[in-house]
Structure formats: C-alpha cells, structure tokens
Amino acid sequence: DLAHDMLAVLALGTDGWSRLSRAIEGLEPNTASAH
C-alpha cells in the first residue's frame, strides 16, 4: 500500500520514484502544518 507503507515506496526504485515525483508535481501540498 504505497499510501501507507513506507517500505513499499522505498522498494519502487529509481524509475518508480521518478513516476512518483511527476505524479505529485501538480498537487497542492497538505495544508496542515503540524503533524
């Protein structure tokens, strides 16, 4: 589950990270500053 599983995201590799980077380019950041 890429939305919740960090290890699944880290397993994507260079090509997957590039796709992920492109996918978030047009998205507004989360508004909540505190976490």
Full PDB file with SEQRES, HELIX, SHEET, SSBOND, CRYST1, ORIGX, SCALE, CONECT and MASTER records, all heavy atoms in Angstrom:
SEQRES   1 A   35  ASP LEU ALA HIS ASP MET LEU ALA VAL LEU ALA LEU GLY          
SEQRES   2 A   35  THR ASP GLY TRP SER ARG LEU SER ARG ALA ILE GLU GLY          
SEQRES   3 A   35  LEU GLU PRO ASN THR ALA SER ALA HIS                          
HELIX    1 AA1 MET A    6  LEU A   10  1                                   5    
HELIX    2 AA2 GLY A   13  ILE A   24  1                                  12    
CRYST1    1.000    1.000    1.000  90.00  90.00  90.00 P 1           1          
ORIGX1      1.000000  0.000000  0.000000        0.00000                         
ORIGX2      0.000000  1.000000  0.000000        0.00000                         
ORIGX3      0.000000  0.000000  1.000000        0.00000                         
SCALE1      1.000000  0.000000  0.000000        0.00000                         
SCALE2      0.000000  1.000000  0.000000        0.00000                         
SCALE3      0.000000  0.000000  1.000000        0.00000                         
ATOM      1  N   ASP A   1       0.852  -1.185   0.000  1.00  0.00           N  
ATOM      2  CA  ASP A   1       0.000   0.000   0.000  1.00  0.00           C  
ATOM      3  C   ASP A   1       0.889   1.235   0.000  1.00  0.00           C  
ATOM      4  O   ASP A   1       1.381   1.647   1.056  1.00  0.00           O  
ATOM      5  CB  ASP A   1      -0.899  -0.047   1.231  1.00  0.00           C  
ATOM      6  CG  ASP A   1      -1.861   1.124   1.321  1.00  0.00           C  
ATOM      7  OD1 ASP A   1      -1.817   2.011   0.436  1.00  0.00           O  
ATOM      8  OD2 ASP A   1      -2.646   1.162   2.284  1.00  0.00           O  
ATOM      9  N   LEU A   2       1.093   1.843  -1.163  1.00  0.00           N  
ATOM     10  CA  LEU A   2       2.010   2.971  -1.263  1.00  0.00           C  
ATOM     11  C   LEU A   2       1.565   4.152  -0.419  1.00  0.00           C  
ATOM     12  O   LEU A   2       2.402   4.948   0.029  1.00  0.00           O  
ATOM     13  CB  LEU A   2       2.152   3.407  -2.726  1.00  0.00           C  
ATOM     14  CG  LEU A   2       2.778   2.388  -3.685  1.00  0.00           C  
ATOM     15  CD1 LEU A   2       2.840   2.959  -5.101  1.00  0.00           C  
ATOM     16  CD2 LEU A   2       4.163   1.981  -3.228  1.00  0.00           C  
ATOM     17  N   ALA A   3       0.289   4.292  -0.188  1.00  0.00           N  
ATOM     18  CA  ALA A   3      -0.209   5.433   0.579  1.00  0.00           C  
ATOM     19  C   ALA A   3       0.148   5.336   2.056  1.00  0.00           C  
ATOM     20  O   ALA A   3       0.220   6.363   2.743  1.00  0.00           O  
ATOM     21  CB  ALA A   3      -1.726   5.557   0.424  1.00  0.00           C  
ATOM     22  N   HIS A   4       0.401   4.109   2.537  1.00  0.00           N  
ATOM     23  CA  HIS A   4       0.601   3.928   3.971  1.00  0.00           C  
ATOM     24  C   HIS A   4       1.858   3.134   4.328  1.00  0.00           C  
ATOM     25  O   HIS A   4       2.247   3.099   5.495  1.00  0.00           O  
ATOM     26  CB  HIS A   4      -0.614   3.215   4.584  1.00  0.00           C  
ATOM     27  CG  HIS A   4      -1.913   3.931   4.354  1.00  0.00           C  
ATOM     28  ND1 HIS A   4      -2.774   3.591   3.338  1.00  0.00           N  
ATOM     29  CD2 HIS A   4      -2.472   4.993   4.981  1.00  0.00           C  
ATOM     30  CE1 HIS A   4      -3.830   4.395   3.368  1.00  0.00           C  
ATOM     31  NE2 HIS A   4      -3.663   5.252   4.342  1.00  0.00           N  
ATOM     32  N   ASP A   5       2.482   2.499   3.370  1.00  0.00           N  
ATOM     33  CA  ASP A   5       3.596   1.591   3.631  1.00  0.00           C  
ATOM     34  C   ASP A   5       4.887   2.193   3.081  1.00  0.00           C  
ATOM     35  O   ASP A   5       5.142   2.162   1.871  1.00  0.00           O  
ATOM     36  CB  ASP A   5       3.313   0.240   2.980  1.00  0.00           C  
ATOM     37  CG  ASP A   5       4.363  -0.813   3.295  1.00  0.00           C  
ATOM     38  OD1 ASP A   5       5.417  -0.463   3.878  1.00  0.00           O  
ATOM     39  OD2 ASP A   5       4.143  -1.995   2.946  1.00  0.00           O  
ATOM     40  N   MET A   6       5.738   2.714   3.967  1.00  0.00           N  
ATOM     41  CA  MET A   6       6.977   3.349   3.533  1.00  0.00           C  
ATOM     42  C   MET A   6       7.891   2.367   2.815  1.00  0.00           C  
ATOM     43  O   MET A   6       8.550   2.721   1.819  1.00  0.00           O  
ATOM     44  CB  MET A   6       7.708   3.949   4.739  1.00  0.00           C  
ATOM     45  CG  MET A   6       9.051   4.581   4.400  1.00  0.00           C  
ATOM     46  SD  MET A   6       8.922   6.037   3.333  1.00  0.00           S  
ATOM     47  CE  MET A   6       8.429   7.271   4.560  1.00  0.00           C  
ATOM     48  N   LEU A   7       7.961   1.132   3.286  1.00  0.00           N  
ATOM     49  CA  LEU A   7       8.859   0.169   2.655  1.00  0.00           C  
ATOM     50  C   LEU A   7       8.420  -0.146   1.230  1.00  0.00           C  
ATOM     51  O   LEU A   7       9.259  -0.377   0.348  1.00  0.00           O  
ATOM     52  CB  LEU A   7       8.939  -1.114   3.481  1.00  0.00           C  
ATOM     53  CG  LEU A   7       9.579  -0.964   4.866  1.00  0.00           C  
ATOM     54  CD1 LEU A   7       9.625  -2.309   5.575  1.00  0.00           C  
ATOM     55  CD2 LEU A   7      10.974  -0.365   4.765  1.00  0.00           C  
ATOM     56  N   ALA A   8       7.106  -0.145   0.974  1.00  0.00           N  
ATOM     57  CA  ALA A   8       6.638  -0.348  -0.397  1.00  0.00           C  
ATOM     58  C   ALA A   8       7.085   0.802  -1.294  1.00  0.00           C  
ATOM     59  O   ALA A   8       7.447   0.590  -2.456  1.00  0.00           O  
ATOM     60  CB  ALA A   8       5.113  -0.466  -0.417  1.00  0.00           C  
ATOM     61  N   VAL A   9       7.087   2.012  -0.763  1.00  0.00           N  
ATOM     62  CA  VAL A   9       7.547   3.166  -1.544  1.00  0.00           C  
ATOM     63  C   VAL A   9       9.049   3.068  -1.793  1.00  0.00           C  
ATOM     64  O   VAL A   9       9.530   3.319  -2.902  1.00  0.00           O  
ATOM     65  CB  VAL A   9       7.195   4.486  -0.830  1.00  0.00           C  
ATOM     66  CG1 VAL A   9       7.698   5.685  -1.635  1.00  0.00           C  
ATOM     67  CG2 VAL A   9       5.688   4.595  -0.619  1.00  0.00           C  
ATOM     68  N   LEU A  10       9.814   2.691  -0.775  1.00  0.00           N  
ATOM     69  CA  LEU A  10      11.261   2.580  -0.930  1.00  0.00           C  
ATOM     70  C   LEU A  10      11.636   1.462  -1.895  1.00  0.00           C  
ATOM     71  O   LEU A  10      12.709   1.493  -2.505  1.00  0.00           O  
ATOM     72  CB  LEU A  10      11.913   2.341   0.427  1.00  0.00           C  
ATOM     73  CG  LEU A  10      11.847   3.516   1.409  1.00  0.00           C  
ATOM     74  CD1 LEU A  10      12.443   3.112   2.756  1.00  0.00           C  
ATOM     75  CD2 LEU A  10      12.563   4.742   0.858  1.00  0.00           C  
ATOM     76  N   ALA A  11      10.761   0.469  -2.064  1.00  0.00           N  
ATOM     77  CA  ALA A  11      11.039  -0.639  -2.972  1.00  0.00           C  
ATOM     78  C   ALA A  11      10.779  -0.278  -4.434  1.00  0.00           C  
ATOM     79  O   ALA A  11      11.124  -1.062  -5.324  1.00  0.00           O  
ATOM     80  CB  ALA A  11      10.202  -1.856  -2.583  1.00  0.00           C  
ATOM     81  N   LEU A  12      10.192   0.882  -4.703  1.00  0.00           N  
ATOM     82  CA  LEU A  12       9.863   1.255  -6.084  1.00  0.00           C  
ATOM     83  C   LEU A  12      11.097   1.364  -6.963  1.00  0.00           C  
ATOM     84  O   LEU A  12      11.056   1.078  -8.162  1.00  0.00           O  
ATOM     85  CB  LEU A  12       9.114   2.592  -6.101  1.00  0.00           C  
ATOM     86  CG  LEU A  12       7.673   2.592  -5.598  1.00  0.00           C  
ATOM     87  CD1 LEU A  12       7.147   4.021  -5.532  1.00  0.00           C  
ATOM     88  CD2 LEU A  12       6.792   1.730  -6.494  1.00  0.00           C  
ATOM     89  N   GLY A  13      12.196   1.825  -6.407  1.00  0.00           N  
ATOM     90  CA  GLY A  13      13.397   2.006  -7.206  1.00  0.00           C  
ATOM     91  C   GLY A  13      13.384   3.301  -7.987  1.00  0.00           C  
ATOM     92  O   GLY A  13      12.401   4.069  -7.958  1.00  0.00           O  
ATOM     93  N   THR A  14      14.463   3.539  -8.713  1.00  0.00           N  
ATOM     94  CA  THR A  14      14.657   4.833  -9.381  1.00  0.00           C  
ATOM     95  C   THR A  14      13.522   5.175 -10.328  1.00  0.00           C  
ATOM     96  O   THR A  14      13.021   6.301 -10.328  1.00  0.00           O  
ATOM     97  CB  THR A  14      16.006   4.827 -10.135  1.00  0.00           C  
ATOM     98  OG1 THR A  14      17.060   4.527  -9.212  1.00  0.00           O  
ATOM     99  CG2 THR A  14      16.265   6.189 -10.764  1.00  0.00           C  
ATOM    100  N   ASP A  15      13.107   4.221 -11.155  1.00  0.00           N  
ATOM    101  CA  ASP A  15      12.029   4.513 -12.114  1.00  0.00           C  
ATOM    102  C   ASP A  15      10.728   4.826 -11.391  1.00  0.00           C  
ATOM    103  O   ASP A  15       9.999   5.757 -11.763  1.00  0.00           O  
ATOM    104  CB  ASP A  15      11.841   3.326 -13.064  1.00  0.00           C  
ATOM    105  CG  ASP A  15      13.008   3.153 -14.016  1.00  0.00           C  
ATOM    106  OD1 ASP A  15      13.790   4.112 -14.177  1.00  0.00           O  
ATOM    107  OD2 ASP A  15      13.141   2.050 -14.594  1.00  0.00           O  
ATOM    108  N   GLY A  16      10.421   4.054 -10.367  1.00  0.00           N  
ATOM    109  CA  GLY A  16       9.193   4.296  -9.622  1.00  0.00           C  
ATOM    110  C   GLY A  16       9.212   5.632  -8.904  1.00  0.00           C  
ATOM    111  O   GLY A  16       8.196   6.337  -8.849  1.00  0.00           O  
ATOM    112  N   TRP A  17      10.356   5.994  -8.330  1.00  0.00           N  
ATOM    113  CA  TRP A  17      10.448   7.295  -7.655  1.00  0.00           C  
ATOM    114  C   TRP A  17      10.288   8.444  -8.648  1.00  0.00           C  
ATOM    115  O   TRP A  17       9.698   9.471  -8.317  1.00  0.00           O  
ATOM    116  CB  TRP A  17      11.778   7.401  -6.914  1.00  0.00           C  
ATOM    117  CG  TRP A  17      11.948   6.370  -5.842  1.00  0.00           C  
ATOM    118  CD1 TRP A  17      10.970   5.825  -5.051  1.00  0.00           C  
ATOM    119  CD2 TRP A  17      13.167   5.716  -5.467  1.00  0.00           C  
ATOM    120  NE1 TRP A  17      11.498   4.892  -4.204  1.00  0.00           N  
ATOM    121  CE2 TRP A  17      12.849   4.795  -4.424  1.00  0.00           C  
ATOM    122  CE3 TRP A  17      14.485   5.813  -5.889  1.00  0.00           C  
ATOM    123  CZ2 TRP A  17      13.804   4.003  -3.815  1.00  0.00           C  
ATOM    124  CZ3 TRP A  17      15.455   5.017  -5.288  1.00  0.00           C  
ATOM    125  CH2 TRP A  17      15.111   4.118  -4.268  1.00  0.00           C  
ATOM    126  N   SER A  18      10.800   8.255  -9.850  1.00  0.00           N  
ATOM    127  CA  SER A  18      10.626   9.288 -10.888  1.00  0.00           C  
ATOM    128  C   SER A  18       9.155   9.443 -11.238  1.00  0.00           C  
ATOM    129  O   SER A  18       8.648  10.571 -11.379  1.00  0.00           O  
ATOM    130  CB  SER A  18      11.425   8.926 -12.144  1.00  0.00           C  
ATOM    131  OG  SER A  18      12.811   8.932 -11.878  1.00  0.00           O  
ATOM    132  N   ARG A  19       8.434   8.331 -11.388  1.00  0.00           N  
ATOM    133  CA  ARG A  19       6.997   8.412 -11.669  1.00  0.00           C  
ATOM    134  C   ARG A  19       6.258   9.069 -10.519  1.00  0.00           C  
ATOM    135  O   ARG A  19       5.345   9.874 -10.725  1.00  0.00           O  
ATOM    136  CB  ARG A  19       6.440   7.004 -11.928  1.00  0.00           C  
ATOM    137  CG  ARG A  19       6.933   6.381 -13.225  1.00  0.00           C  
ATOM    138  CD  ARG A  19       6.124   5.138 -13.581  1.00  0.00           C  
ATOM    139  NE  ARG A  19       6.316   4.069 -12.613  1.00  0.00           N  
ATOM    140  CZ  ARG A  19       7.274   3.145 -12.689  1.00  0.00           C  
ATOM    141  NH1 ARG A  19       8.156   3.184 -13.683  1.00  0.00           N  
ATOM    142  NH2 ARG A  19       7.352   2.192 -11.785  1.00  0.00           N  
ATOM    143  N   LEU A  20       6.653   8.727  -9.307  1.00  0.00           N  
ATOM    144  CA  LEU A  20       6.017   9.311  -8.131  1.00  0.00           C  
ATOM    145  C   LEU A  20       6.265  10.818  -8.073  1.00  0.00           C  
ATOM    146  O   LEU A  20       5.353  11.608  -7.775  1.00  0.00           O  
ATOM    147  CB  LEU A  20       6.573   8.636  -6.881  1.00  0.00           C  
ATOM    148  CG  LEU A  20       5.813   8.817  -5.575  1.00  0.00           C  
ATOM    149  CD1 LEU A  20       4.400   8.268  -5.688  1.00  0.00           C  
ATOM    150  CD2 LEU A  20       6.561   8.131  -4.435  1.00  0.00           C  
ATOM    151  N   SER A  21       7.475  11.231  -8.378  1.00  0.00           N  
ATOM    152  CA  SER A  21       7.812  12.642  -8.371  1.00  0.00           C  
ATOM    153  C   SER A  21       6.977  13.418  -9.380  1.00  0.00           C  
ATOM    154  O   SER A  21       6.463  14.510  -9.092  1.00  0.00           O  
ATOM    155  CB  SER A  21       9.301  12.825  -8.664  1.00  0.00           C  
ATOM    156  OG  SER A  21       9.664  14.188  -8.628  1.00  0.00           O  
ATOM    157  N   ARG A  22       6.804  12.843 -10.562  1.00  0.00           N  
ATOM    158  CA  ARG A  22       5.981  13.510 -11.576  1.00  0.00           C  
ATOM    159  C   ARG A  22       4.523  13.576 -11.145  1.00  0.00           C  
ATOM    160  O   ARG A  22       3.818  14.552 -11.422  1.00  0.00           O  
ATOM    161  CB  ARG A  22       6.113  12.782 -12.916  1.00  0.00           C  
ATOM    162  CG  ARG A  22       7.487  12.919 -13.568  1.00  0.00           C  
ATOM    163  CD  ARG A  22       7.456  12.448 -15.016  1.00  0.00           C  
ATOM    164  NE  ARG A  22       7.151  11.025 -15.138  1.00  0.00           N  
ATOM    165  CZ  ARG A  22       8.060  10.055 -15.111  1.00  0.00           C  
ATOM    166  NH1 ARG A  22       9.348  10.354 -14.975  1.00  0.00           N  
ATOM    167  NH2 ARG A  22       7.708   8.789 -15.245  1.00  0.00           N  
ATOM    168  N   ALA A  23       4.066  12.536 -10.446  1.00  0.00           N  
ATOM    169  CA  ALA A  23       2.658  12.477 -10.052  1.00  0.00           C  
ATOM    170  C   ALA A  23       2.289  13.540  -9.025  1.00  0.00           C  
ATOM    171  O   ALA A  23       1.128  13.974  -8.971  1.00  0.00           O  
ATOM    172  CB  ALA A  23       2.330  11.088  -9.514  1.00  0.00           C  
ATOM    173  N   ILE A  24       3.248  13.962  -8.196  1.00  0.00           N  
ATOM    174  CA  ILE A  24       2.915  14.946  -7.162  1.00  0.00           C  
ATOM    175  C   ILE A  24       3.206  16.378  -7.592  1.00  0.00           C  
ATOM    176  O   ILE A  24       2.877  17.319  -6.863  1.00  0.00           O  
ATOM    177  CB  ILE A  24       3.652  14.647  -5.844  1.00  0.00           C  
ATOM    178  CG1 ILE A  24       5.174  14.817  -6.002  1.00  0.00           C  
ATOM    179  CG2 ILE A  24       3.296  13.262  -5.325  1.00  0.00           C  
ATOM    180  CD1 ILE A  24       5.925  14.703  -4.690  1.00  0.00           C  
ATOM    181  N   GLU A  25       3.816  16.549  -8.785  1.00  0.00           N  
ATOM    182  CA  GLU A  25       4.194  17.896  -9.217  1.00  0.00           C  
ATOM    183  C   GLU A  25       3.003  18.843  -9.270  1.00  0.00           C  
ATOM    184  O   GLU A  25       3.116  20.006  -8.899  1.00  0.00           O  
ATOM    185  CB  GLU A  25       4.872  17.834 -10.590  1.00  0.00           C  
ATOM    186  CG  GLU A  25       6.327  17.435 -10.535  1.00  0.00           C  
ATOM    187  CD  GLU A  25       6.976  17.431 -11.906  1.00  0.00           C  
ATOM    188  OE1 GLU A  25       6.273  17.740 -12.903  1.00  0.00           O  
ATOM    189  OE2 GLU A  25       8.179  17.119 -11.992  1.00  0.00           O  
ATOM    190  N   GLY A  26       1.866  18.373  -9.741  1.00  0.00           N  
ATOM    191  CA  GLY A  26       0.721  19.271  -9.883  1.00  0.00           C  
ATOM    192  C   GLY A  26      -0.205  19.302  -8.694  1.00  0.00           C  
ATOM    193  O   GLY A  26      -1.267  19.938  -8.762  1.00  0.00           O  
ATOM    194  N   LEU A  27       0.162  18.643  -7.604  1.00  0.00           N  
ATOM    195  CA  LEU A  27      -0.719  18.577  -6.439  1.00  0.00           C  
ATOM    196  C   LEU A  27      -0.354  19.643  -5.411  1.00  0.00           C  
ATOM    197  O   LEU A  27       0.824  19.877  -5.137  1.00  0.00           O  
ATOM    198  CB  LEU A  27      -0.643  17.194  -5.793  1.00  0.00           C  
ATOM    199  CG  LEU A  27      -1.071  16.012  -6.666  1.00  0.00           C  
ATOM    200  CD1 LEU A  27      -0.909  14.707  -5.889  1.00  0.00           C  
ATOM    201  CD2 LEU A  27      -2.513  16.176  -7.138  1.00  0.00           C  
ATOM    202  N   GLU A  28      -1.360  20.250  -4.841  1.00  0.00           N  
ATOM    203  CA  GLU A  28      -1.146  21.203  -3.758  1.00  0.00           C  
ATOM    204  C   GLU A  28      -0.679  20.456  -2.514  1.00  0.00           C  
ATOM    205  O   GLU A  28      -1.120  19.327  -2.252  1.00  0.00           O  
ATOM    206  CB  GLU A  28      -2.426  21.976  -3.456  1.00  0.00           C  
ATOM    207  CG  GLU A  28      -2.846  22.939  -4.547  1.00  0.00           C  
ATOM    208  CD  GLU A  28      -1.844  24.070  -4.703  1.00  0.00           C  
ATOM    209  OE1 GLU A  28      -1.330  24.562  -3.673  1.00  0.00           O  
ATOM    210  OE2 GLU A  28      -1.560  24.451  -5.860  1.00  0.00           O  
ATOM    211  N   PRO A  29       0.200  21.042  -1.744  1.00  0.00           N  
ATOM    212  CA  PRO A  29       0.673  20.355  -0.532  1.00  0.00           C  
ATOM    213  C   PRO A  29      -0.419  20.255   0.513  1.00  0.00           C  
ATOM    214  O   PRO A  29      -1.416  20.988   0.466  1.00  0.00           O  
ATOM    215  CB  PRO A  29       1.820  21.244  -0.050  1.00  0.00           C  
ATOM    216  CG  PRO A  29       1.503  22.596  -0.594  1.00  0.00           C  
ATOM    217  CD  PRO A  29       0.837  22.356  -1.925  1.00  0.00           C  
ATOM    218  N   ASN A  30      -0.240  19.354   1.449  1.00  0.00           N  
ATOM    219  CA  ASN A  30      -1.170  19.261   2.573  1.00  0.00           C  
ATOM    220  C   ASN A  30      -1.182  20.579   3.329  1.00  0.00           C  
ATOM    221  O   ASN A  30      -0.137  21.191   3.552  1.00  0.00           O  
ATOM    222  CB  ASN A  30      -0.754  18.120   3.505  1.00  0.00           C  
ATOM    223  CG  ASN A  30      -1.003  16.762   2.872  1.00  0.00           C  
ATOM    224  OD1 ASN A  30      -0.611  16.509   1.744  1.00  0.00           O  
ATOM    225  ND2 ASN A  30      -1.654  15.887   3.606  1.00  0.00           N  
ATOM    226  N   THR A  31      -2.346  21.009   3.745  1.00  0.00           N  
ATOM    227  CA  THR A  31      -2.474  22.317   4.378  1.00  0.00           C  
ATOM    228  C   THR A  31      -2.081  22.294   5.839  1.00  0.00           C  
ATOM    229  O   THR A  31      -1.612  23.306   6.374  1.00  0.00           O  
ATOM    230  CB  THR A  31      -3.907  22.839   4.247  1.00  0.00           C  
ATOM    231  OG1 THR A  31      -4.812  21.856   4.791  1.00  0.00           O  
ATOM    232  CG2 THR A  31      -4.252  23.061   2.780  1.00  0.00           C  
ATOM    233  N   ALA A  32      -2.248  21.166   6.507  1.00  0.00           N  
ATOM    234  CA  ALA A  32      -1.932  21.107   7.940  1.00  0.00           C  
ATOM    235  C   ALA A  32      -0.423  21.191   8.123  1.00  0.00           C  
ATOM    236  O   ALA A  32       0.334  20.399   7.565  1.00  0.00           O  
ATOM    237  CB  ALA A  32      -2.469  19.824   8.556  1.00  0.00           C  
ATOM    238  N   SER A  33       0.023  22.160   8.899  1.00  0.00           N  
ATOM    239  CA  SER A  33       1.463  22.333   9.114  1.00  0.00           C  
ATOM    240  C   SER A  33       1.987  21.431  10.221  1.00  0.00           C  
ATOM    241  O   SER A  33       3.145  21.042  10.218  1.00  0.00           O  
ATOM    242  CB  SER A  33       1.787  23.793   9.460  1.00  0.00           C  
ATOM    243  OG  SER A  33       1.058  24.195  10.608  1.00  0.00           O  
ATOM    244  N   ALA A  34       1.144  21.100  11.175  1.00  0.00           N  
ATOM    245  CA  ALA A  34       1.582  20.281  12.302  1.00  0.00           C  
ATOM    246  C   ALA A  34       1.327  18.805  12.009  1.00  0.00           C  
ATOM    247  O   ALA A  34       0.361  18.448  11.343  1.00  0.00           O  
ATOM    248  CB  ALA A  34       0.853  20.688  13.574  1.00  0.00           C  
ATOM    249  N   HIS A  35       2.187  17.949  12.494  1.00  0.00           N  
ATOM    250  CA  HIS A  35       1.996  16.522  12.332  1.00  0.00           C  
ATOM    251  C   HIS A  35       2.638  15.816  13.523  1.00  0.00           C  
ATOM    252  O   HIS A  35       3.554  16.325  14.145  1.00  0.00           O  
ATOM    253  CB  HIS A  35       2.603  16.017  11.022  1.00  0.00           C  
ATOM    254  CG  HIS A  35       4.072  16.213  10.933  1.00  0.00           C  
ATOM    255  ND1 HIS A  35       4.638  17.411  10.581  1.00  0.00           N  
ATOM    256  CD2 HIS A  35       5.109  15.360  11.167  1.00  0.00           C  
ATOM    257  CE1 HIS A  35       5.958  17.299  10.592  1.00  0.00           C  
ATOM    258  NE2 HIS A  35       6.263  16.075  10.944  1.00  0.00           N  
TER     259      HIS A  35                                                      
MASTER        0    0    0    2    0    0    0    6  258    1    0    3          
END                                                                             
